[in-house]
N, C-alpha and C. Protein backbone atom coordinates (compact mmCIF):
# COMPACT_ATOMS: atom_id res chain seq x y z
N MET A 1 -113.94 172.11 -22.29
CA MET A 1 -112.99 172.87 -21.32
C MET A 1 -113.72 173.50 -19.94
N ALA A 2 -113.41 173.23 -18.72
CA ALA A 2 -113.20 173.31 -17.30
C ALA A 2 -114.05 174.94 -17.62
N ARG A 3 -114.98 175.15 -17.20
CA ARG A 3 -115.39 176.76 -16.01
C ARG A 3 -116.47 176.78 -15.64
N TYR A 4 -115.82 177.89 -14.50
CA TYR A 4 -116.59 178.40 -13.03
C TYR A 4 -117.94 178.70 -14.11
N THR A 5 -118.61 177.80 -12.63
CA THR A 5 -120.91 177.73 -13.65
C THR A 5 -121.28 178.42 -12.04
N ASP A 6 -120.53 178.30 -11.04
CA ASP A 6 -121.29 179.16 -9.61
C ASP A 6 -121.78 180.58 -9.49
N ALA A 7 -121.86 180.74 -8.68
CA ALA A 7 -122.24 182.77 -8.62
C ALA A 7 -121.05 183.21 -9.40
N VAL A 8 -121.34 183.86 -10.01
CA VAL A 8 -119.75 185.04 -9.90
C VAL A 8 -119.23 185.81 -8.76
N CYS A 9 -120.73 186.25 -7.98
CA CYS A 9 -120.47 187.42 -6.90
C CYS A 9 -119.82 186.76 -5.78
N LYS A 10 -119.64 185.02 -5.68
CA LYS A 10 -118.81 184.25 -5.00
C LYS A 10 -117.19 184.37 -4.52
N LEU A 11 -116.98 184.81 -5.85
CA LEU A 11 -115.50 185.19 -6.33
C LEU A 11 -115.45 186.20 -5.57
N CYS A 12 -116.24 187.60 -6.01
CA CYS A 12 -115.91 188.76 -5.47
C CYS A 12 -115.27 189.19 -4.19
N ARG A 13 -116.33 188.17 -2.93
CA ARG A 13 -115.95 188.42 -1.30
C ARG A 13 -115.35 186.94 -1.70
N ARG A 14 -115.07 185.90 -2.23
CA ARG A 14 -114.27 185.07 -1.60
C ARG A 14 -112.29 186.37 -2.06
N GLU A 15 -112.29 187.27 -2.23
CA GLU A 15 -111.06 188.36 -2.80
C GLU A 15 -111.41 189.27 -2.10
N GLY A 16 -112.23 189.45 -1.05
CA GLY A 16 -112.93 190.83 -0.85
C GLY A 16 -112.51 192.45 -1.24
N GLN A 17 -113.24 192.07 -2.32
CA GLN A 17 -113.81 193.20 -3.45
C GLN A 17 -113.85 192.36 -4.72
N LYS A 18 -114.69 194.09 -5.22
CA LYS A 18 -115.20 194.65 -6.80
C LYS A 18 -114.11 193.29 -7.97
N LEU A 19 -114.87 192.61 -8.68
CA LEU A 19 -114.48 191.89 -9.67
C LEU A 19 -115.11 192.78 -10.91
N PHE A 20 -115.82 193.21 -10.09
CA PHE A 20 -116.72 193.37 -12.04
C PHE A 20 -116.81 192.27 -12.72
N LEU A 21 -117.66 190.95 -11.89
CA LEU A 21 -117.85 189.98 -12.96
C LEU A 21 -119.12 190.12 -12.93
N LYS A 22 -120.06 191.15 -13.03
CA LYS A 22 -121.18 191.35 -14.12
C LYS A 22 -121.72 193.09 -13.87
N GLY A 23 -120.81 193.22 -14.51
CA GLY A 23 -121.27 194.68 -15.14
C GLY A 23 -121.68 195.57 -13.85
N ASP A 24 -122.27 196.84 -14.55
CA ASP A 24 -123.67 197.07 -13.39
C ASP A 24 -123.58 196.90 -12.31
N ARG A 25 -124.15 195.51 -12.34
CA ARG A 25 -125.13 195.29 -10.94
C ARG A 25 -123.67 195.16 -9.62
N CYS A 26 -122.49 195.55 -9.97
CA CYS A 26 -121.49 195.65 -9.44
C CYS A 26 -121.84 196.70 -8.89
N LEU A 27 -122.42 197.74 -9.80
CA LEU A 27 -122.01 199.04 -8.70
C LEU A 27 -123.37 199.82 -8.28
N SER A 28 -124.63 198.13 -8.07
CA SER A 28 -125.59 198.70 -7.46
C SER A 28 -125.98 198.32 -6.06
N PRO A 29 -126.61 199.05 -5.38
CA PRO A 29 -126.94 198.33 -3.86
C PRO A 29 -127.59 196.89 -3.94
N LYS A 30 -127.66 196.03 -5.15
CA LYS A 30 -127.44 194.66 -5.42
C LYS A 30 -126.40 193.78 -5.06
N CYS A 31 -124.88 194.62 -5.11
CA CYS A 31 -123.57 194.09 -5.35
C CYS A 31 -123.43 193.17 -3.63
N ALA A 32 -122.70 191.91 -3.88
CA ALA A 32 -122.89 190.64 -3.17
C ALA A 32 -121.86 191.83 -2.34
N VAL A 33 -120.58 192.25 -2.67
CA VAL A 33 -119.60 192.54 -2.17
C VAL A 33 -119.46 194.12 -1.05
N ASP A 34 -121.03 194.81 -1.04
CA ASP A 34 -121.47 195.69 -0.43
C ASP A 34 -122.60 195.42 0.78
N ARG A 35 -123.67 193.74 0.77
CA ARG A 35 -124.11 193.46 1.20
C ARG A 35 -123.61 192.66 2.13
N ARG A 36 -122.89 191.63 1.94
CA ARG A 36 -122.09 190.33 2.56
C ARG A 36 -120.83 190.71 2.24
N PRO A 37 -119.71 191.89 2.64
CA PRO A 37 -118.24 192.13 2.99
C PRO A 37 -117.15 190.43 3.43
N PHE A 38 -117.98 189.58 3.05
CA PHE A 38 -117.19 188.37 4.01
C PHE A 38 -117.11 187.34 2.97
N ALA A 39 -116.32 186.36 3.66
CA ALA A 39 -115.80 185.33 2.10
C ALA A 39 -117.34 184.37 2.60
N PRO A 40 -117.61 183.94 1.17
CA PRO A 40 -118.76 182.26 1.53
C PRO A 40 -118.30 181.70 2.30
N GLY A 41 -119.51 180.68 2.68
CA GLY A 41 -119.41 179.60 2.96
C GLY A 41 -119.74 180.22 4.35
N ASP A 42 -119.38 178.79 5.98
CA ASP A 42 -120.34 178.58 7.12
C ASP A 42 -119.54 179.47 7.69
N HIS A 43 -117.82 179.52 7.35
CA HIS A 43 -116.97 180.01 8.51
C HIS A 43 -116.79 181.29 8.17
N GLY A 44 -116.70 182.25 6.97
CA GLY A 44 -116.46 182.76 6.36
C GLY A 44 -116.63 184.63 6.91
N ARG A 45 -117.09 185.30 7.65
CA ARG A 45 -117.34 186.09 8.90
C ARG A 45 -116.25 186.08 9.96
N LYS A 46 -116.60 184.55 9.99
CA LYS A 46 -115.38 184.14 11.20
C LYS A 46 -114.25 184.30 11.12
N ASN A 47 -113.66 183.79 9.70
CA ASN A 47 -112.19 184.24 9.57
C ASN A 47 -112.03 185.26 8.57
N ALA A 48 -113.15 186.35 8.39
CA ALA A 48 -112.33 187.21 7.93
C ALA A 48 -112.20 188.08 9.52
N MET A 49 -112.38 188.14 10.74
CA MET A 49 -112.68 188.24 11.69
C MET A 49 -110.71 188.38 12.48
N ARG A 50 -110.34 186.49 12.44
CA ARG A 50 -109.25 186.49 13.05
C ARG A 50 -108.38 186.12 12.16
N ARG A 51 -108.44 186.15 10.87
CA ARG A 51 -107.57 185.62 9.82
C ARG A 51 -106.32 186.16 9.94
N LYS A 52 -105.00 185.29 10.01
CA LYS A 52 -103.96 186.76 8.89
C LYS A 52 -103.45 185.37 8.14
N VAL A 53 -102.88 186.00 6.62
CA VAL A 53 -102.17 185.72 5.74
C VAL A 53 -101.01 185.68 5.24
N SER A 54 -100.69 184.47 4.74
CA SER A 54 -98.92 184.68 5.21
C SER A 54 -98.53 185.50 4.10
N GLU A 55 -97.73 185.04 3.77
CA GLU A 55 -96.07 185.57 2.90
C GLU A 55 -97.55 185.25 1.42
N TYR A 56 -97.42 183.54 1.50
CA TYR A 56 -98.21 182.36 0.41
C TYR A 56 -99.87 182.83 0.06
N GLY A 57 -100.00 182.85 1.20
CA GLY A 57 -101.40 183.86 1.11
C GLY A 57 -101.76 184.74 0.00
N MET A 58 -101.08 185.66 0.38
CA MET A 58 -100.91 186.84 -0.33
C MET A 58 -101.01 187.05 -1.79
N GLN A 59 -99.74 186.62 -2.32
CA GLN A 59 -99.60 185.83 -3.47
C GLN A 59 -100.32 184.64 -4.08
N LEU A 60 -100.74 184.20 -3.49
CA LEU A 60 -101.68 183.39 -3.60
C LEU A 60 -103.34 183.56 -4.80
N ARG A 61 -103.74 184.83 -3.67
CA ARG A 61 -104.34 185.47 -3.69
C ARG A 61 -104.48 186.33 -5.07
N GLU A 62 -103.57 187.03 -4.88
CA GLU A 62 -103.41 188.29 -6.17
C GLU A 62 -103.29 187.82 -7.45
N LYS A 63 -102.62 186.69 -7.20
CA LYS A 63 -103.08 185.41 -8.93
C LYS A 63 -104.60 184.99 -8.66
N GLN A 64 -104.91 184.19 -8.06
CA GLN A 64 -106.83 184.44 -8.41
C GLN A 64 -107.54 185.20 -8.39
N LYS A 65 -106.50 186.94 -7.98
CA LYS A 65 -107.83 187.35 -8.15
C LYS A 65 -107.90 188.01 -10.04
N ALA A 66 -106.07 187.66 -10.55
CA ALA A 66 -105.99 188.08 -11.66
C ALA A 66 -106.97 187.43 -12.69
N ARG A 67 -106.28 186.06 -12.68
CA ARG A 67 -107.44 184.51 -12.58
C ARG A 67 -109.09 185.11 -13.58
N ARG A 68 -109.14 185.52 -11.85
CA ARG A 68 -111.01 186.19 -11.87
C ARG A 68 -111.32 186.86 -12.32
N MET A 69 -110.27 188.05 -12.72
CA MET A 69 -110.70 189.14 -13.18
C MET A 69 -110.85 188.75 -14.40
N TYR A 70 -109.53 188.14 -15.04
CA TYR A 70 -109.69 188.29 -16.72
C TYR A 70 -110.72 187.03 -17.62
N GLY A 71 -111.13 186.17 -16.46
CA GLY A 71 -111.93 184.67 -16.92
C GLY A 71 -110.74 183.39 -17.50
N VAL A 72 -109.64 183.47 -16.34
CA VAL A 72 -109.00 182.66 -17.86
C VAL A 72 -108.43 181.35 -16.54
N LEU A 73 -108.69 180.23 -16.85
CA LEU A 73 -107.79 179.11 -16.60
C LEU A 73 -106.96 178.64 -15.70
N GLU A 74 -106.38 178.07 -15.39
CA GLU A 74 -104.87 178.20 -14.27
C GLU A 74 -103.91 178.11 -15.33
N ARG A 75 -103.95 176.88 -16.31
CA ARG A 75 -103.10 176.62 -17.14
C ARG A 75 -102.82 177.35 -18.31
N GLN A 76 -104.06 178.41 -18.43
CA GLN A 76 -103.81 179.57 -19.38
C GLN A 76 -103.00 180.34 -18.64
N PHE A 77 -103.31 181.25 -17.91
CA PHE A 77 -102.60 182.40 -17.12
C PHE A 77 -100.86 182.02 -16.28
N ARG A 78 -100.96 180.50 -16.41
CA ARG A 78 -99.94 180.16 -16.13
C ARG A 78 -98.59 180.20 -17.70
N GLY A 79 -99.13 180.32 -18.74
CA GLY A 79 -99.16 180.02 -19.88
C GLY A 79 -98.48 181.41 -20.45
N TYR A 80 -99.62 182.47 -19.97
CA TYR A 80 -99.41 183.91 -19.68
C TYR A 80 -98.07 184.40 -19.11
N PHE A 81 -97.85 184.05 -17.85
CA PHE A 81 -97.21 184.20 -17.25
C PHE A 81 -95.89 183.47 -18.01
N GLU A 82 -95.46 182.82 -18.24
CA GLU A 82 -94.14 182.30 -18.78
C GLU A 82 -94.05 182.93 -20.65
N GLU A 83 -95.07 182.57 -20.96
CA GLU A 83 -94.03 184.47 -22.11
C GLU A 83 -94.08 185.75 -22.23
N ALA A 84 -94.81 185.66 -21.20
CA ALA A 84 -94.10 187.27 -20.17
C ALA A 84 -92.46 187.35 -20.24
N SER A 85 -91.99 186.42 -19.06
CA SER A 85 -91.04 185.88 -18.47
C SER A 85 -90.19 186.00 -19.86
N ARG A 86 -90.23 185.49 -21.01
CA ARG A 86 -89.50 185.06 -22.20
C ARG A 86 -89.33 186.37 -23.08
N ARG A 87 -90.05 187.66 -22.81
CA ARG A 87 -90.41 189.03 -23.20
C ARG A 87 -89.40 189.27 -22.32
N LYS A 88 -89.33 191.16 -23.18
CA LYS A 88 -87.82 192.33 -22.21
C LYS A 88 -89.31 192.46 -21.45
N GLY A 89 -88.80 193.59 -21.01
CA GLY A 89 -89.33 194.11 -20.09
C GLY A 89 -89.44 193.53 -18.31
N LEU A 90 -90.78 193.85 -17.83
CA LEU A 90 -90.96 193.64 -16.51
C LEU A 90 -92.21 192.66 -16.96
N THR A 91 -91.90 191.20 -15.98
CA THR A 91 -92.50 190.44 -16.03
C THR A 91 -93.99 190.70 -16.20
N GLY A 92 -94.27 191.21 -14.73
CA GLY A 92 -95.39 191.26 -14.32
C GLY A 92 -96.12 191.99 -15.13
N SER A 93 -96.00 193.93 -15.40
CA SER A 93 -96.32 194.68 -16.33
C SER A 93 -96.46 193.36 -17.97
N THR A 94 -95.98 192.96 -18.46
CA THR A 94 -95.76 192.34 -19.44
C THR A 94 -97.25 191.84 -19.71
N LEU A 95 -97.27 190.72 -18.01
CA LEU A 95 -98.17 190.07 -18.36
C LEU A 95 -99.87 190.49 -18.15
N LEU A 96 -99.67 191.46 -17.48
CA LEU A 96 -100.89 192.32 -17.25
C LEU A 96 -101.44 192.96 -18.91
N GLY A 97 -100.18 193.21 -19.39
CA GLY A 97 -100.58 194.07 -20.81
C GLY A 97 -100.77 192.51 -22.06
N LEU A 98 -100.74 191.54 -21.77
CA LEU A 98 -100.91 190.23 -22.40
C LEU A 98 -102.79 190.10 -22.22
N LEU A 99 -102.82 189.78 -20.87
CA LEU A 99 -104.41 189.85 -20.22
C LEU A 99 -105.00 191.19 -21.29
N GLU A 100 -104.66 192.33 -21.15
CA GLU A 100 -105.56 193.14 -21.14
C GLU A 100 -105.76 193.00 -23.03
N SER A 101 -104.72 192.07 -23.60
CA SER A 101 -104.47 192.38 -25.26
C SER A 101 -105.33 191.47 -25.47
N ARG A 102 -106.04 190.69 -25.08
CA ARG A 102 -107.29 189.63 -25.12
C ARG A 102 -108.30 190.49 -25.52
N LEU A 103 -108.98 189.66 -26.62
CA LEU A 103 -109.63 190.10 -27.55
C LEU A 103 -111.79 190.06 -26.43
N ASP A 104 -111.67 189.52 -26.35
CA ASP A 104 -112.81 189.56 -25.58
C ASP A 104 -112.80 190.34 -24.01
N ASN A 105 -111.67 191.26 -23.78
CA ASN A 105 -111.09 192.06 -22.49
C ASN A 105 -111.35 193.12 -23.40
N VAL A 106 -110.63 193.66 -24.38
CA VAL A 106 -110.85 194.26 -25.93
C VAL A 106 -111.93 194.82 -25.81
N VAL A 107 -112.70 194.28 -25.80
CA VAL A 107 -114.58 194.16 -26.85
C VAL A 107 -114.87 195.53 -24.90
N TYR A 108 -114.80 194.45 -23.96
CA TYR A 108 -115.45 195.00 -22.41
C TYR A 108 -114.53 195.94 -23.05
N ARG A 109 -113.27 197.03 -22.43
CA ARG A 109 -113.24 198.39 -22.65
C ARG A 109 -113.82 198.52 -23.60
N LEU A 110 -114.37 198.48 -25.02
CA LEU A 110 -114.41 198.92 -25.79
C LEU A 110 -115.84 199.76 -25.87
N GLY A 111 -116.43 199.02 -24.74
CA GLY A 111 -118.06 199.07 -23.88
C GLY A 111 -119.09 198.91 -25.39
N PHE A 112 -118.38 197.73 -25.55
CA PHE A 112 -119.36 196.82 -25.82
C PHE A 112 -120.17 195.52 -24.75
N ALA A 113 -119.68 195.43 -24.02
CA ALA A 113 -120.24 194.60 -23.05
C ALA A 113 -120.37 195.34 -22.22
N ASP A 114 -120.99 194.99 -20.78
CA ASP A 114 -120.87 194.76 -19.15
C ASP A 114 -119.77 194.17 -18.97
N SER A 115 -119.45 193.50 -19.08
CA SER A 115 -119.07 192.70 -18.08
C SER A 115 -118.10 191.89 -19.90
N ARG A 116 -116.54 190.92 -19.17
CA ARG A 116 -115.28 190.48 -19.74
C ARG A 116 -116.47 188.23 -20.19
N SER A 117 -116.70 188.47 -19.19
CA SER A 117 -117.98 187.16 -19.12
C SER A 117 -118.79 187.53 -20.57
N GLN A 118 -119.47 188.59 -20.80
CA GLN A 118 -120.62 188.81 -21.20
C GLN A 118 -119.60 188.61 -22.92
N ALA A 119 -118.67 189.78 -22.73
CA ALA A 119 -117.82 189.89 -23.96
C ALA A 119 -117.23 189.07 -24.98
N ARG A 120 -116.77 187.63 -23.57
CA ARG A 120 -116.57 186.64 -24.13
C ARG A 120 -117.39 185.56 -24.87
N GLN A 121 -118.71 186.16 -24.62
CA GLN A 121 -120.47 185.54 -25.51
C GLN A 121 -120.24 185.82 -26.66
N LEU A 122 -120.29 187.15 -26.90
CA LEU A 122 -120.27 187.68 -27.90
C LEU A 122 -118.87 187.62 -28.95
N VAL A 123 -117.98 187.23 -28.55
CA VAL A 123 -117.12 187.13 -29.53
C VAL A 123 -117.46 185.06 -29.72
N ARG A 124 -117.37 184.65 -28.80
CA ARG A 124 -117.97 183.27 -29.67
C ARG A 124 -119.01 182.96 -29.95
N HIS A 125 -119.89 183.91 -30.54
CA HIS A 125 -120.92 183.80 -31.51
C HIS A 125 -120.51 184.24 -32.74
N GLY A 126 -119.43 185.03 -32.78
CA GLY A 126 -118.99 185.40 -33.99
C GLY A 126 -119.45 187.26 -33.79
N HIS A 127 -119.42 187.90 -33.02
CA HIS A 127 -120.58 188.56 -33.57
C HIS A 127 -119.12 190.01 -33.80
N PHE A 128 -117.49 189.81 -33.56
CA PHE A 128 -116.76 190.62 -33.98
C PHE A 128 -115.82 190.25 -35.28
N VAL A 129 -115.33 191.11 -36.09
CA VAL A 129 -114.33 190.45 -36.82
C VAL A 129 -112.90 191.64 -36.64
N VAL A 130 -111.97 191.18 -36.61
CA VAL A 130 -110.76 192.09 -36.66
C VAL A 130 -109.78 192.82 -38.21
N ASN A 131 -109.42 193.26 -38.17
CA ASN A 131 -109.11 193.73 -39.24
C ASN A 131 -110.02 192.63 -40.92
N GLY A 132 -111.22 192.50 -40.87
CA GLY A 132 -112.05 192.29 -41.52
C GLY A 132 -112.11 190.41 -41.61
N THR A 133 -111.98 190.31 -40.66
CA THR A 133 -111.46 188.77 -41.00
C THR A 133 -112.49 188.14 -39.25
N LYS A 134 -113.26 187.29 -39.29
CA LYS A 134 -114.46 187.26 -38.48
C LYS A 134 -113.36 186.41 -37.51
N THR A 135 -113.45 186.61 -35.79
CA THR A 135 -112.95 186.20 -34.81
C THR A 135 -113.23 185.77 -33.92
N ASP A 136 -113.02 184.73 -34.03
CA ASP A 136 -114.51 184.08 -32.78
C ASP A 136 -113.75 183.37 -31.69
N ILE A 137 -112.33 183.57 -30.98
CA ILE A 137 -111.41 183.24 -29.85
C ILE A 137 -111.41 184.22 -28.95
N PRO A 138 -111.79 183.78 -28.07
CA PRO A 138 -111.90 185.47 -26.86
C PRO A 138 -110.41 185.65 -26.58
N SER A 139 -108.99 184.79 -26.99
CA SER A 139 -107.90 184.97 -26.63
C SER A 139 -106.88 185.44 -27.67
N PHE A 140 -107.91 185.18 -28.56
CA PHE A 140 -107.14 185.56 -29.74
C PHE A 140 -106.22 187.75 -28.94
N LEU A 141 -105.07 187.46 -28.97
CA LEU A 141 -104.07 189.13 -28.80
C LEU A 141 -104.03 190.26 -29.97
N VAL A 142 -104.87 191.02 -29.88
CA VAL A 142 -105.20 191.83 -30.67
C VAL A 142 -103.38 193.05 -30.14
N SER A 143 -102.52 193.29 -31.29
CA SER A 143 -101.82 194.32 -31.77
C SER A 143 -101.57 195.46 -32.18
N PRO A 144 -101.03 196.52 -32.00
CA PRO A 144 -101.30 198.15 -31.95
C PRO A 144 -101.57 198.19 -33.81
N GLY A 145 -102.39 198.99 -34.33
CA GLY A 145 -103.39 199.20 -35.52
C GLY A 145 -104.40 198.04 -35.84
N ASP A 146 -105.01 197.40 -34.66
CA ASP A 146 -105.43 196.18 -35.24
C ASP A 146 -106.70 197.08 -35.26
N VAL A 147 -108.31 196.85 -35.80
CA VAL A 147 -109.28 197.32 -35.79
C VAL A 147 -110.87 196.46 -35.60
N ILE A 148 -110.87 196.10 -34.42
CA ILE A 148 -112.22 195.07 -33.73
C ILE A 148 -113.23 196.36 -34.17
N THR A 149 -114.70 195.70 -35.44
CA THR A 149 -115.73 195.97 -35.63
C THR A 149 -116.86 194.60 -35.75
N VAL A 150 -117.85 195.10 -35.13
CA VAL A 150 -118.67 194.73 -35.02
C VAL A 150 -119.33 193.86 -36.77
N ARG A 151 -119.72 192.60 -36.94
CA ARG A 151 -120.08 192.02 -37.54
C ARG A 151 -121.06 193.00 -38.14
N GLU A 152 -121.15 193.02 -39.40
CA GLU A 152 -122.26 193.55 -40.69
C GLU A 152 -123.60 193.11 -40.53
N ARG A 153 -123.44 191.92 -40.63
CA ARG A 153 -125.11 190.74 -40.31
C ARG A 153 -125.45 191.07 -38.72
N SER A 154 -124.36 191.67 -37.71
CA SER A 154 -124.77 191.87 -36.29
C SER A 154 -125.41 193.36 -36.01
N ARG A 155 -124.91 194.23 -36.64
CA ARG A 155 -125.28 195.42 -36.12
C ARG A 155 -126.82 195.91 -36.71
N SER A 156 -127.30 195.17 -37.38
CA SER A 156 -129.08 195.16 -36.92
C SER A 156 -129.96 194.51 -35.53
N THR A 157 -129.07 194.15 -35.16
CA THR A 157 -129.56 193.41 -33.46
C THR A 157 -130.19 194.61 -32.44
N THR A 158 -131.11 194.12 -32.05
CA THR A 158 -131.52 195.41 -31.20
C THR A 158 -130.40 195.38 -29.74
N TYR A 159 -129.46 194.22 -29.99
CA TYR A 159 -128.52 194.66 -28.76
C TYR A 159 -127.48 195.80 -29.09
N PHE A 160 -127.37 195.60 -30.21
CA PHE A 160 -125.98 196.37 -30.28
C PHE A 160 -126.33 197.79 -31.51
N LYS A 161 -127.40 198.03 -31.37
CA LYS A 161 -128.01 199.23 -31.78
C LYS A 161 -128.28 199.97 -30.72
N GLU A 162 -129.16 199.14 -29.27
CA GLU A 162 -129.04 200.31 -28.03
C GLU A 162 -127.72 200.77 -27.35
N ARG A 163 -126.05 199.75 -27.76
CA ARG A 163 -125.34 199.26 -26.69
C ARG A 163 -124.19 200.68 -28.54
N THR A 164 -125.26 200.69 -29.40
CA THR A 164 -124.10 201.82 -30.04
C THR A 164 -124.07 203.84 -29.56
N GLN A 165 -125.53 203.27 -28.71
CA GLN A 165 -126.10 204.84 -28.02
C GLN A 165 -125.77 205.16 -27.28
N MET A 166 -125.00 203.73 -26.33
CA MET A 166 -123.63 203.66 -24.96
C MET A 166 -122.85 204.36 -24.68
N LEU A 167 -122.62 203.83 -25.55
CA LEU A 167 -120.93 203.43 -26.34
C LEU A 167 -120.46 205.60 -25.81
N SER A 168 -118.89 205.89 -25.07
CA SER A 168 -118.18 206.72 -24.47
C SER A 168 -117.24 206.54 -24.50
N THR A 169 -116.17 207.71 -25.07
CA THR A 169 -114.80 207.79 -24.57
C THR A 169 -114.44 208.10 -23.27
N GLY A 170 -115.30 208.33 -22.37
CA GLY A 170 -115.24 208.65 -21.17
C GLY A 170 -114.23 207.74 -20.25
N ASN A 171 -115.11 206.39 -19.97
CA ASN A 171 -113.80 205.64 -19.72
C ASN A 171 -113.42 204.85 -20.25
N LEU A 172 -112.80 205.10 -22.19
CA LEU A 172 -111.86 204.43 -23.00
C LEU A 172 -110.12 204.59 -22.43
N PRO A 173 -109.69 203.51 -22.21
CA PRO A 173 -108.26 203.29 -22.15
C PRO A 173 -107.65 204.48 -23.27
N SER A 174 -106.82 205.03 -22.54
CA SER A 174 -106.27 205.55 -23.96
C SER A 174 -105.21 204.61 -24.81
N TRP A 175 -105.40 203.27 -24.20
CA TRP A 175 -104.31 202.15 -26.20
C TRP A 175 -105.23 202.25 -26.87
N LEU A 176 -106.56 203.24 -26.88
CA LEU A 176 -107.50 202.25 -27.71
C LEU A 176 -108.73 203.88 -27.76
N VAL A 177 -109.12 203.34 -28.97
CA VAL A 177 -109.99 204.80 -29.67
C VAL A 177 -111.24 203.59 -30.40
N ILE A 178 -112.27 204.84 -30.21
CA ILE A 178 -113.59 203.92 -30.93
C ILE A 178 -114.31 204.65 -31.71
N ASP A 179 -115.00 204.16 -32.39
CA ASP A 179 -115.51 205.17 -33.47
C ASP A 179 -117.17 204.62 -33.60
N SER A 180 -118.12 205.00 -33.23
CA SER A 180 -119.50 205.17 -32.90
C SER A 180 -120.05 204.40 -33.97
N ALA A 181 -120.12 205.19 -34.58
CA ALA A 181 -120.69 205.74 -35.82
C ALA A 181 -120.74 204.25 -36.60
N ALA A 182 -119.20 203.69 -36.36
CA ALA A 182 -118.66 202.34 -37.41
C ALA A 182 -119.41 201.55 -37.07
N MET A 183 -119.09 201.52 -35.25
CA MET A 183 -119.31 200.27 -34.53
C MET A 183 -118.06 199.44 -34.61
N ALA A 184 -116.81 200.59 -34.24
CA ALA A 184 -115.81 200.32 -33.96
C ALA A 184 -114.93 200.56 -33.30
N GLY A 185 -113.52 199.55 -32.83
CA GLY A 185 -112.40 200.43 -32.23
C GLY A 185 -111.08 199.99 -32.67
N SER A 186 -110.28 200.69 -32.33
CA SER A 186 -108.28 200.84 -32.91
C SER A 186 -108.11 200.95 -31.64
N VAL A 187 -106.71 199.78 -31.85
CA VAL A 187 -105.74 199.77 -31.12
C VAL A 187 -104.56 200.57 -31.34
N LEU A 188 -104.73 201.53 -30.74
CA LEU A 188 -102.68 202.61 -30.47
C LEU A 188 -101.79 201.70 -30.72
N ASN A 189 -101.67 201.28 -29.51
CA ASN A 189 -100.67 200.19 -29.11
C ASN A 189 -100.95 199.80 -28.01
N ASP A 190 -99.60 198.57 -27.28
CA ASP A 190 -99.52 197.78 -26.84
C ASP A 190 -99.89 199.05 -25.31
N PRO A 191 -101.00 198.07 -24.33
CA PRO A 191 -101.31 198.82 -23.12
C PRO A 191 -99.80 198.76 -22.27
N THR A 192 -99.65 199.64 -21.81
CA THR A 192 -98.86 200.20 -20.63
C THR A 192 -99.24 199.78 -19.14
N ARG A 193 -98.76 199.64 -18.25
CA ARG A 193 -98.70 199.17 -17.42
C ARG A 193 -99.57 200.90 -16.94
N GLU A 194 -99.17 201.48 -17.11
CA GLU A 194 -99.95 202.84 -16.44
C GLU A 194 -101.32 203.60 -17.11
N GLU A 195 -101.54 202.72 -18.40
CA GLU A 195 -103.26 202.31 -19.14
C GLU A 195 -103.91 202.21 -18.19
N ILE A 196 -103.30 200.52 -17.66
CA ILE A 196 -104.22 199.55 -17.59
C ILE A 196 -104.81 200.12 -15.51
N ALA A 197 -105.60 199.80 -15.76
CA ALA A 197 -106.33 200.79 -14.23
C ALA A 197 -107.33 199.26 -13.77
N VAL A 198 -106.78 198.20 -13.34
CA VAL A 198 -106.61 197.59 -12.50
C VAL A 198 -106.22 197.36 -10.77
N PRO A 199 -107.14 196.81 -9.81
CA PRO A 199 -106.33 196.67 -8.76
C PRO A 199 -105.33 195.33 -8.65
N LEU A 200 -104.48 195.55 -9.04
CA LEU A 200 -103.69 194.14 -9.10
C LEU A 200 -102.15 194.98 -9.09
N ASN A 201 -101.36 194.21 -7.75
CA ASN A 201 -100.35 194.13 -7.48
C ASN A 201 -99.49 192.93 -8.32
N GLU A 202 -99.24 193.09 -9.23
CA GLU A 202 -98.66 192.02 -10.00
C GLU A 202 -97.56 191.91 -9.87
N GLN A 203 -96.53 192.21 -8.47
CA GLN A 203 -95.43 191.22 -8.17
C GLN A 203 -95.49 190.38 -7.62
N LEU A 204 -97.33 190.55 -6.60
CA LEU A 204 -97.06 189.03 -6.05
C LEU A 204 -96.60 188.29 -6.95
N ILE A 205 -98.16 188.36 -8.43
CA ILE A 205 -98.39 187.51 -9.40
C ILE A 205 -96.51 186.59 -9.82
N VAL A 206 -95.86 187.58 -9.30
CA VAL A 206 -94.43 187.25 -9.81
C VAL A 206 -94.12 186.60 -9.51
N GLU A 207 -93.76 187.38 -7.92
CA GLU A 207 -93.21 186.20 -6.74
C GLU A 207 -93.90 184.43 -6.31
N TYR A 208 -95.04 185.00 -6.96
CA TYR A 208 -96.18 183.74 -6.98
C TYR A 208 -95.26 182.72 -7.54
N TYR A 209 -95.02 182.62 -9.25
CA TYR A 209 -95.07 181.47 -9.76
C TYR A 209 -92.83 181.85 -9.58
N SER A 210 -92.59 182.51 -9.31
CA SER A 210 -90.90 182.57 -9.05
C SER A 210 -90.65 182.03 -7.87
N ARG A 211 -91.62 180.80 -6.59
CA ARG A 211 -91.47 180.09 -5.64
C ARG A 211 -90.15 178.93 -6.52
């Protein structure tokens, strides 16, 4: 499957804001958005000064921002939108709820990884079980009541030993709860829009796909 392999900092610069694709680096002085607050490319600085974005352009950028933030390719992202359209409730909020319910995002939200890409790698390498079953599919959607636990054989690794000491409930979303001693997290409920702290205007995404 195709996957973006270029420098991810370019994606943040293209969207004009931090997407937190590199974890703690995004909060350091090394952050590319802080050092070069304009789009990548030879004409990035000039375009930032004179470019007027159309309504379609704003919708496209918001869709691209969401895709890049969650690390989802176009076909899969459209699939999430179509699924959200079939469900009851506001399509935009439901779409964000589906993206937040991905296993790689939950691992990231629980604090087991610094970024979603790192969380995706950990999941693919089989370091987690969901309700006691090994699950190595990053796009697996968790449900209320599910328990995500670090595999027994992975707990003795240096990474998870150090990570456990860093786990905190301070930045944990209210729809998740974590047990640091057990290296496990639980899903309390489906995430609502108020519980999803992402700088996205989901209505623009809905408008983009509703053209």
